[in-house]
Amino acid sequence: GLLPFAARWLAAPTWDGDAAWWDRLGVVAIASALILVIGAVDDTRGLGPRVKLIGQAAAVLILYGGGIRIEKVALLG
């Protein structure tokens, strides 16, 4: 189910082999908040596709600048 997956994911994920999840949580929170704000504004006032794309790109750059990288994707079996 979803709960064991979430517990396993939150237990010990790391980036760069040594930086703990909690060290980068602020960067993830900032990028997530940006996406949340863009979605809320789009739902209430409507945003054009360019504005949404620029906002999403900004969130990605925040993550990248904060050291977040996706180096591999593994499917749980």
PDB file of N, CA and C in Angstrom:
ATOM      1  N   GLY A   1       0.802  -1.180   0.000  1.00  0.00           N
ATOM      2  CA  GLY A   1       0.000   0.000   0.000  1.00  0.00           C
ATOM      3  C   GLY A   1       0.856   1.260   0.000  1.00  0.00           C
ATOM      4  N   LEU A   2       0.189   2.358   0.075  1.00  0.00           N
ATOM      5  CA  LEU A   2       0.855   3.651   0.025  1.00  0.00           C
ATOM      6  C   LEU A   2       1.632   3.958   1.295  1.00  0.00           C
ATOM      7  N   LEU A   3       1.102   3.583   2.447  1.00  0.00           N
ATOM      8  CA  LEU A   3       1.765   3.901   3.712  1.00  0.00           C
ATOM      9  C   LEU A   3       3.144   3.246   3.838  1.00  0.00           C
ATOM     10  N   PRO A   4       3.293   1.943   3.543  1.00  0.00           N
ATOM     11  CA  PRO A   4       4.653   1.370   3.615  1.00  0.00           C
ATOM     12  C   PRO A   4       5.623   2.019   2.635  1.00  0.00           C
ATOM     13  N   PHE A   5       5.123   2.374   1.449  1.00  0.00           N
ATOM     14  CA  PHE A   5       5.974   3.050   0.471  1.00  0.00           C
ATOM     15  C   PHE A   5       6.439   4.389   1.020  1.00  0.00           C
ATOM     16  N   ALA A   6       5.498   5.169   1.576  1.00  0.00           N
ATOM     17  CA  ALA A   6       5.836   6.486   2.120  1.00  0.00           C
ATOM     18  C   ALA A   6       6.808   6.348   3.290  1.00  0.00           C
ATOM     19  N   ALA A   7       6.589   5.378   4.153  1.00  0.00           N
ATOM     20  CA  ALA A   7       7.479   5.185   5.299  1.00  0.00           C
ATOM     21  C   ALA A   7       8.882   4.825   4.833  1.00  0.00           C
ATOM     22  N   ARG A   8       8.973   3.983   3.842  1.00  0.00           N
ATOM     23  CA  ARG A   8      10.295   3.596   3.323  1.00  0.00           C
ATOM     24  C   ARG A   8      10.978   4.787   2.653  1.00  0.00           C
ATOM     25  N   TRP A   9      10.219   5.588   1.922  1.00  0.00           N
ATOM     26  CA  TRP A   9      10.781   6.728   1.209  1.00  0.00           C
ATOM     27  C   TRP A   9      11.256   7.802   2.171  1.00  0.00           C
ATOM     28  N   LEU A  10      10.501   8.043   3.231  1.00  0.00           N
ATOM     29  CA  LEU A  10      10.876   9.080   4.184  1.00  0.00           C
ATOM     30  C   LEU A  10      11.952   8.625   5.167  1.00  0.00           C
ATOM     31  N   ALA A  11      12.154   7.336   5.289  1.00  0.00           N
ATOM     32  CA  ALA A  11      13.060   6.801   6.303  1.00  0.00           C
ATOM     33  C   ALA A  11      14.510   7.227   6.082  1.00  0.00           C
ATOM     34  N   ALA A  12      15.023   7.078   4.887  1.00  0.00           N
ATOM     35  CA  ALA A  12      16.447   7.344   4.717  1.00  0.00           C
ATOM     36  C   ALA A  12      16.857   7.765   3.318  1.00  0.00           C
ATOM     37  N   PRO A  13      16.034   8.512   2.571  1.00  0.00           N
ATOM     38  CA  PRO A  13      16.515   8.904   1.260  1.00  0.00           C
ATOM     39  C   PRO A  13      17.670   9.896   1.367  1.00  0.00           C
ATOM     40  N   THR A  14      18.629   9.769   0.481  1.00  0.00           N
ATOM     41  CA  THR A  14      19.756  10.695   0.473  1.00  0.00           C
ATOM     42  C   THR A  14      20.068  11.114  -0.956  1.00  0.00           C
ATOM     43  N   TRP A  15      20.732  12.231  -1.068  1.00  0.00           N
ATOM     44  CA  TRP A  15      21.251  12.703  -2.346  1.00  0.00           C
ATOM     45  C   TRP A  15      22.756  12.811  -2.204  1.00  0.00           C
ATOM     46  N   ASP A  16      23.445  12.605  -3.304  1.00  0.00           N
ATOM     47  CA  ASP A  16      24.905  12.714  -3.355  1.00  0.00           C
ATOM     48  C   ASP A  16      25.589  11.718  -2.427  1.00  0.00           C
ATOM     49  N   GLY A  17      24.869  10.730  -1.949  1.00  0.00           N
ATOM     50  CA  GLY A  17      25.452   9.703  -1.109  1.00  0.00           C
ATOM     51  C   GLY A  17      25.711  10.115   0.324  1.00  0.00           C
ATOM     52  N   ASP A  18      25.688  11.393   0.648  1.00  0.00           N
ATOM     53  CA  ASP A  18      26.007  11.784   2.019  1.00  0.00           C
ATOM     54  C   ASP A  18      25.095  12.870   2.581  1.00  0.00           C
ATOM     55  N   ALA A  19      24.388  13.581   1.746  1.00  0.00           N
ATOM     56  CA  ALA A  19      23.524  14.654   2.240  1.00  0.00           C
ATOM     57  C   ALA A  19      22.166  14.068   2.610  1.00  0.00           C
ATOM     58  N   ALA A  20      21.771  14.205   3.837  1.00  0.00           N
ATOM     59  CA  ALA A  20      20.512  13.634   4.311  1.00  0.00           C
ATOM     60  C   ALA A  20      19.321  14.398   3.748  1.00  0.00           C
ATOM     61  N   TRP A  21      18.212  13.720   3.682  1.00  0.00           N
ATOM     62  CA  TRP A  21      16.951  14.301   3.212  1.00  0.00           C
ATOM     63  C   TRP A  21      16.639  15.596   3.944  1.00  0.00           C
ATOM     64  N   TRP A  22      16.823  15.596   5.218  1.00  0.00           N
ATOM     65  CA  TRP A  22      16.453  16.755   6.024  1.00  0.00           C
ATOM     66  C   TRP A  22      17.317  17.969   5.716  1.00  0.00           C
ATOM     67  N   ASP A  23      18.524  17.759   5.206  1.00  0.00           N
ATOM     68  CA  ASP A  23      19.395  18.876   4.849  1.00  0.00           C
ATOM     69  C   ASP A  23      18.868  19.655   3.651  1.00  0.00           C
ATOM     70  N   ARG A  24      18.062  19.012   2.831  1.00  0.00           N
ATOM     71  CA  ARG A  24      17.563  19.650   1.613  1.00  0.00           C
ATOM     72  C   ARG A  24      16.053  19.902   1.653  1.00  0.00           C
ATOM     73  N   LEU A  25      15.442  19.645   2.788  1.00  0.00           N
ATOM     74  CA  LEU A  25      14.000  19.792   2.897  1.00  0.00           C
ATOM     75  C   LEU A  25      13.545  21.230   2.631  1.00  0.00           C
ATOM     76  N   GLY A  26      14.310  22.224   3.031  1.00  0.00           N
ATOM     77  CA  GLY A  26      13.946  23.619   2.795  1.00  0.00           C
ATOM     78  C   GLY A  26      13.848  23.944   1.316  1.00  0.00           C
ATOM     79  N   VAL A  27      14.787  23.437   0.525  1.00  0.00           N
ATOM     80  CA  VAL A  27      14.780  23.670  -0.920  1.00  0.00           C
ATOM     81  C   VAL A  27      13.545  23.027  -1.543  1.00  0.00           C
ATOM     82  N   VAL A  28      13.235  21.812  -1.117  1.00  0.00           N
ATOM     83  CA  VAL A  28      12.057  21.118  -1.628  1.00  0.00           C
ATOM     84  C   VAL A  28      10.795  21.881  -1.229  1.00  0.00           C
ATOM     85  N   ALA A  29      10.750  22.398  -0.017  1.00  0.00           N
ATOM     86  CA  ALA A  29       9.577  23.144   0.451  1.00  0.00           C
ATOM     87  C   ALA A  29       9.380  24.429  -0.354  1.00  0.00           C
ATOM     88  N   ILE A  30      10.443  25.126  -0.665  1.00  0.00           N
ATOM     89  CA  ILE A  30      10.341  26.370  -1.436  1.00  0.00           C
ATOM     90  C   ILE A  30       9.834  26.080  -2.848  1.00  0.00           C
ATOM     91  N   ALA A  31      10.413  25.085  -3.507  1.00  0.00           N
ATOM     92  CA  ALA A  31       9.981  24.736  -4.862  1.00  0.00           C
ATOM     93  C   ALA A  31       8.531  24.248  -4.853  1.00  0.00           C
ATOM     94  N   SER A  32       8.156  23.474  -3.845  1.00  0.00           N
ATOM     95  CA  SER A  32       6.782  22.982  -3.737  1.00  0.00           C
ATOM     96  C   SER A  32       5.805  24.129  -3.506  1.00  0.00           C
ATOM     97  N   ALA A  33       6.190  25.083  -2.679  1.00  0.00           N
ATOM     98  CA  ALA A  33       5.334  26.237  -2.424  1.00  0.00           C
ATOM     99  C   ALA A  33       5.127  27.043  -3.697  1.00  0.00           C
ATOM    100  N   LEU A  34       6.163  27.184  -4.501  1.00  0.00           N
ATOM    101  CA  LEU A  34       6.046  27.901  -5.761  1.00  0.00           C
ATOM    102  C   LEU A  34       5.034  27.206  -6.676  1.00  0.00           C
ATOM    103  N   ILE A  35       5.124  25.895  -6.797  1.00  0.00           N
ATOM    104  CA  ILE A  35       4.185  25.134  -7.621  1.00  0.00           C
ATOM    105  C   ILE A  35       2.762  25.260  -7.065  1.00  0.00           C
ATOM    106  N   LEU A  36       2.634  25.228  -5.743  1.00  0.00           N
ATOM    107  CA  LEU A  36       1.322  25.379  -5.111  1.00  0.00           C
ATOM    108  C   LEU A  36       0.706  26.739  -5.437  1.00  0.00           C
ATOM    109  N   VAL A  37       1.500  27.793  -5.339  1.00  0.00           N
ATOM    110  CA  VAL A  37       1.004  29.144  -5.621  1.00  0.00           C
ATOM    111  C   VAL A  37       0.604  29.270  -7.087  1.00  0.00           C
ATOM    112  N   ILE A  38       1.423  28.748  -7.976  1.00  0.00           N
ATOM    113  CA  ILE A  38       1.099  28.801  -9.405  1.00  0.00           C
ATOM    114  C   ILE A  38      -0.216  28.070  -9.675  1.00  0.00           C
ATOM    115  N   GLY A  39      -0.387  26.913  -9.078  1.00  0.00           N
ATOM    116  CA  GLY A  39      -1.628  26.158  -9.267  1.00  0.00           C
ATOM    117  C   GLY A  39      -2.829  26.880  -8.706  1.00  0.00           C
ATOM    118  N   ALA A  40      -2.688  27.492  -7.538  1.00  0.00           N
ATOM    119  CA  ALA A  40      -3.805  28.212  -6.926  1.00  0.00           C
ATOM    120  C   ALA A  40      -4.199  29.427  -7.752  1.00  0.00           C
ATOM    121  N   VAL A  41      -3.210  30.162  -8.213  1.00  0.00           N
ATOM    122  CA  VAL A  41      -3.506  31.336  -9.042  1.00  0.00           C
ATOM    123  C   VAL A  41      -4.136  30.897 -10.360  1.00  0.00           C
ATOM    124  N   ASP A  42      -3.633  29.841 -10.943  1.00  0.00           N
ATOM    125  CA  ASP A  42      -4.197  29.335 -12.193  1.00  0.00           C
ATOM    126  C   ASP A  42      -5.650  28.906 -12.004  1.00  0.00           C
ATOM    127  N   ASP A  43      -5.945  28.272 -10.878  1.00  0.00           N
ATOM    128  CA  ASP A  43      -7.312  27.829 -10.613  1.00  0.00           C
ATOM    129  C   ASP A  43      -8.268  28.992 -10.370  1.00  0.00           C
ATOM    130  N   THR A  44      -7.785  30.061  -9.774  1.00  0.00           N
ATOM    131  CA  THR A  44      -8.668  31.169  -9.428  1.00  0.00           C
ATOM    132  C   THR A  44      -8.743  32.253 -10.497  1.00  0.00           C
ATOM    133  N   ARG A  45      -7.645  32.559 -11.124  1.00  0.00           N
ATOM    134  CA  ARG A  45      -7.623  33.652 -12.111  1.00  0.00           C
ATOM    135  C   ARG A  45      -7.297  33.178 -13.516  1.00  0.00           C
ATOM    136  N   GLY A  46      -6.667  32.036 -13.608  1.00  0.00           N
ATOM    137  CA  GLY A  46      -6.259  31.529 -14.911  1.00  0.00           C
ATOM    138  C   GLY A  46      -4.934  32.119 -15.341  1.00  0.00           C
ATOM    139  N   LEU A  47      -3.994  31.274 -15.613  1.00  0.00           N
ATOM    140  CA  LEU A  47      -2.680  31.702 -16.105  1.00  0.00           C
ATOM    141  C   LEU A  47      -2.464  31.109 -17.488  1.00  0.00           C
ATOM    142  N   GLY A  48      -1.734  31.818 -18.293  1.00  0.00           N
ATOM    143  CA  GLY A  48      -1.392  31.304 -19.611  1.00  0.00           C
ATOM    144  C   GLY A  48      -0.352  30.204 -19.510  1.00  0.00           C
ATOM    145  N   PRO A  49      -0.242  29.396 -20.547  1.00  0.00           N
ATOM    146  CA  PRO A  49       0.715  28.287 -20.516  1.00  0.00           C
ATOM    147  C   PRO A  49       2.168  28.740 -20.364  1.00  0.00           C
ATOM    148  N   ARG A  50       2.518  29.875 -20.927  1.00  0.00           N
ATOM    149  CA  ARG A  50       3.903  30.364 -20.800  1.00  0.00           C
ATOM    150  C   ARG A  50       4.239  30.706 -19.352  1.00  0.00           C
ATOM    151  N   VAL A  51       3.312  31.357 -18.675  1.00  0.00           N
ATOM    152  CA  VAL A  51       3.538  31.734 -17.277  1.00  0.00           C
ATOM    153  C   VAL A  51       3.691  30.482 -16.417  1.00  0.00           C
ATOM    154  N   LYS A  52       2.828  29.490 -16.651  1.00  0.00           N
ATOM    155  CA  LYS A  52       2.918  28.244 -15.886  1.00  0.00           C
ATOM    156  C   LYS A  52       4.242  27.532 -16.160  1.00  0.00           C
ATOM    157  N   LEU A  53       4.647  27.496 -17.423  1.00  0.00           N
ATOM    158  CA  LEU A  53       5.916  26.846 -17.768  1.00  0.00           C
ATOM    159  C   LEU A  53       7.095  27.566 -17.133  1.00  0.00           C
ATOM    160  N   ILE A  54       7.081  28.872 -17.144  1.00  0.00           N
ATOM    161  CA  ILE A  54       8.161  29.644 -16.520  1.00  0.00           C
ATOM    162  C   ILE A  54       8.202  29.374 -15.019  1.00  0.00           C
ATOM    163  N   GLY A  55       7.038  29.309 -14.377  1.00  0.00           N
ATOM    164  CA  GLY A  55       6.982  29.002 -12.952  1.00  0.00           C
ATOM    165  C   GLY A  55       7.495  27.613 -12.636  1.00  0.00           C
ATOM    166  N   GLN A  56       7.123  26.647 -13.462  1.00  0.00           N
ATOM    167  CA  GLN A  56       7.614  25.282 -13.259  1.00  0.00           C
ATOM    168  C   GLN A  56       9.122  25.197 -13.481  1.00  0.00           C
ATOM    169  N   ALA A  57       9.610  25.900 -14.496  1.00  0.00           N
ATOM    170  CA  ALA A  57      11.052  25.926 -14.745  1.00  0.00           C
ATOM    171  C   ALA A  57      11.788  26.563 -13.577  1.00  0.00           C
ATOM    172  N   ALA A  58      11.205  27.609 -12.999  1.00  0.00           N
ATOM    173  CA  ALA A  58      11.817  28.257 -11.837  1.00  0.00           C
ATOM    174  C   ALA A  58      11.893  27.283 -10.664  1.00  0.00           C
ATOM    175  N   ALA A  59      10.846  26.494 -10.461  1.00  0.00           N
ATOM    176  CA  ALA A  59      10.859  25.502  -9.378  1.00  0.00           C
ATOM    177  C   ALA A  59      11.950  24.464  -9.605  1.00  0.00           C
ATOM    178  N   VAL A  60      12.111  24.036 -10.838  1.00  0.00           N
ATOM    179  CA  VAL A  60      13.170  23.070 -11.157  1.00  0.00           C
ATOM    180  C   VAL A  60      14.546  23.686 -10.907  1.00  0.00           C
ATOM    181  N   LEU A  61      14.731  24.932 -11.298  1.00  0.00           N
ATOM    182  CA  LEU A  61      16.020  25.585 -11.074  1.00  0.00           C
ATOM    183  C   LEU A  61      16.316  25.768  -9.590  1.00  0.00           C
ATOM    184  N   ILE A  62      15.278  26.015  -8.796  1.00  0.00           N
ATOM    185  CA  ILE A  62      15.458  26.097  -7.347  1.00  0.00           C
ATOM    186  C   ILE A  62      15.954  24.751  -6.817  1.00  0.00           C
ATOM    187  N   LEU A  63      15.321  23.675  -7.255  1.00  0.00           N
ATOM    188  CA  LEU A  63      15.744  22.337  -6.820  1.00  0.00           C
ATOM    189  C   LEU A  63      17.167  22.041  -7.278  1.00  0.00           C
ATOM    190  N   TYR A  64      17.448  22.324  -8.534  1.00  0.00           N
ATOM    191  CA  TYR A  64      18.787  22.058  -9.074  1.00  0.00           C
ATOM    192  C   TYR A  64      19.840  22.876  -8.335  1.00  0.00           C
ATOM    193  N   GLY A  65      19.539  24.141  -8.113  1.00  0.00           N
ATOM    194  CA  GLY A  65      20.464  25.003  -7.387  1.00  0.00           C
ATOM    195  C   GLY A  65      20.686  24.548  -5.953  1.00  0.00           C
ATOM    196  N   GLY A  66      19.691  23.891  -5.389  1.00  0.00           N
ATOM    197  CA  GLY A  66      19.796  23.373  -4.025  1.00  0.00           C
ATOM    198  C   GLY A  66      20.440  22.006  -3.943  1.00  0.00           C
ATOM    199  N   GLY A  67      20.883  21.487  -5.082  1.00  0.00           N
ATOM    200  CA  GLY A  67      21.588  20.210  -5.075  1.00  0.00           C
ATOM    201  C   GLY A  67      20.725  18.988  -5.270  1.00  0.00           C
ATOM    202  N   ILE A  68      19.467  19.171  -5.622  1.00  0.00           N
ATOM    203  CA  ILE A  68      18.578  18.035  -5.834  1.00  0.00           C
ATOM    204  C   ILE A  68      18.809  17.490  -7.241  1.00  0.00           C
ATOM    205  N   ARG A  69      19.076  16.207  -7.339  1.00  0.00           N
ATOM    206  CA  ARG A  69      19.287  15.547  -8.634  1.00  0.00           C
ATOM    207  C   ARG A  69      18.546  14.221  -8.635  1.00  0.00           C
ATOM    208  N   ILE A  70      18.027  13.841  -9.781  1.00  0.00           N
ATOM    209  CA  ILE A  70      17.471  12.502  -9.961  1.00  0.00           C
ATOM    210  C   ILE A  70      18.499  11.740 -10.776  1.00  0.00           C
ATOM    211  N   GLU A  71      19.164  10.819 -10.127  1.00  0.00           N
ATOM    212  CA  GLU A  71      20.229  10.074 -10.797  1.00  0.00           C
ATOM    213  C   GLU A  71      19.765   8.722 -11.287  1.00  0.00           C
ATOM    214  N   LYS A  72      18.727   8.176 -10.685  1.00  0.00           N
ATOM    215  CA  LYS A  72      18.167   6.924 -11.167  1.00  0.00           C
ATOM    216  C   LYS A  72      16.743   6.798 -10.670  1.00  0.00           C
ATOM    217  N   VAL A  73      15.962   6.027 -11.383  1.00  0.00           N
ATOM    218  CA  VAL A  73      14.587   5.749 -11.001  1.00  0.00           C
ATOM    219  C   VAL A  73      14.453   4.248 -10.895  1.00  0.00           C
ATOM    220  N   ALA A  74      13.978   3.792  -9.755  1.00  0.00           N
ATOM    221  CA  ALA A  74      13.791   2.354  -9.537  1.00  0.00           C
ATOM    222  C   ALA A  74      12.332   2.079  -9.258  1.00  0.00           C
ATOM    223  N   LEU A  75      11.800   1.056  -9.862  1.00  0.00           N
ATOM    224  CA  LEU A  75      10.428   0.656  -9.618  1.00  0.00           C
ATOM    225  C   LEU A  75      10.409  -0.364  -8.485  1.00  0.00           C
ATOM    226  N   LEU A  76       9.507  -0.138  -7.542  1.00  0.00           N
ATOM    227  CA  LEU A  76       9.378  -1.086  -6.428  1.00  0.00           C
ATOM    228  C   LEU A  76       8.551  -2.267  -6.898  1.00  0.00           C
ATOM    229  N   GLY A  77       9.014  -3.454  -6.576  1.00  0.00           N
ATOM    230  CA  GLY A  77       8.324  -4.638  -7.069  1.00  0.00           C
ATOM    231  C   GLY A  77       7.727  -5.493  -6.043  1.00  0.00           C
TER     232      GLY A  77
END
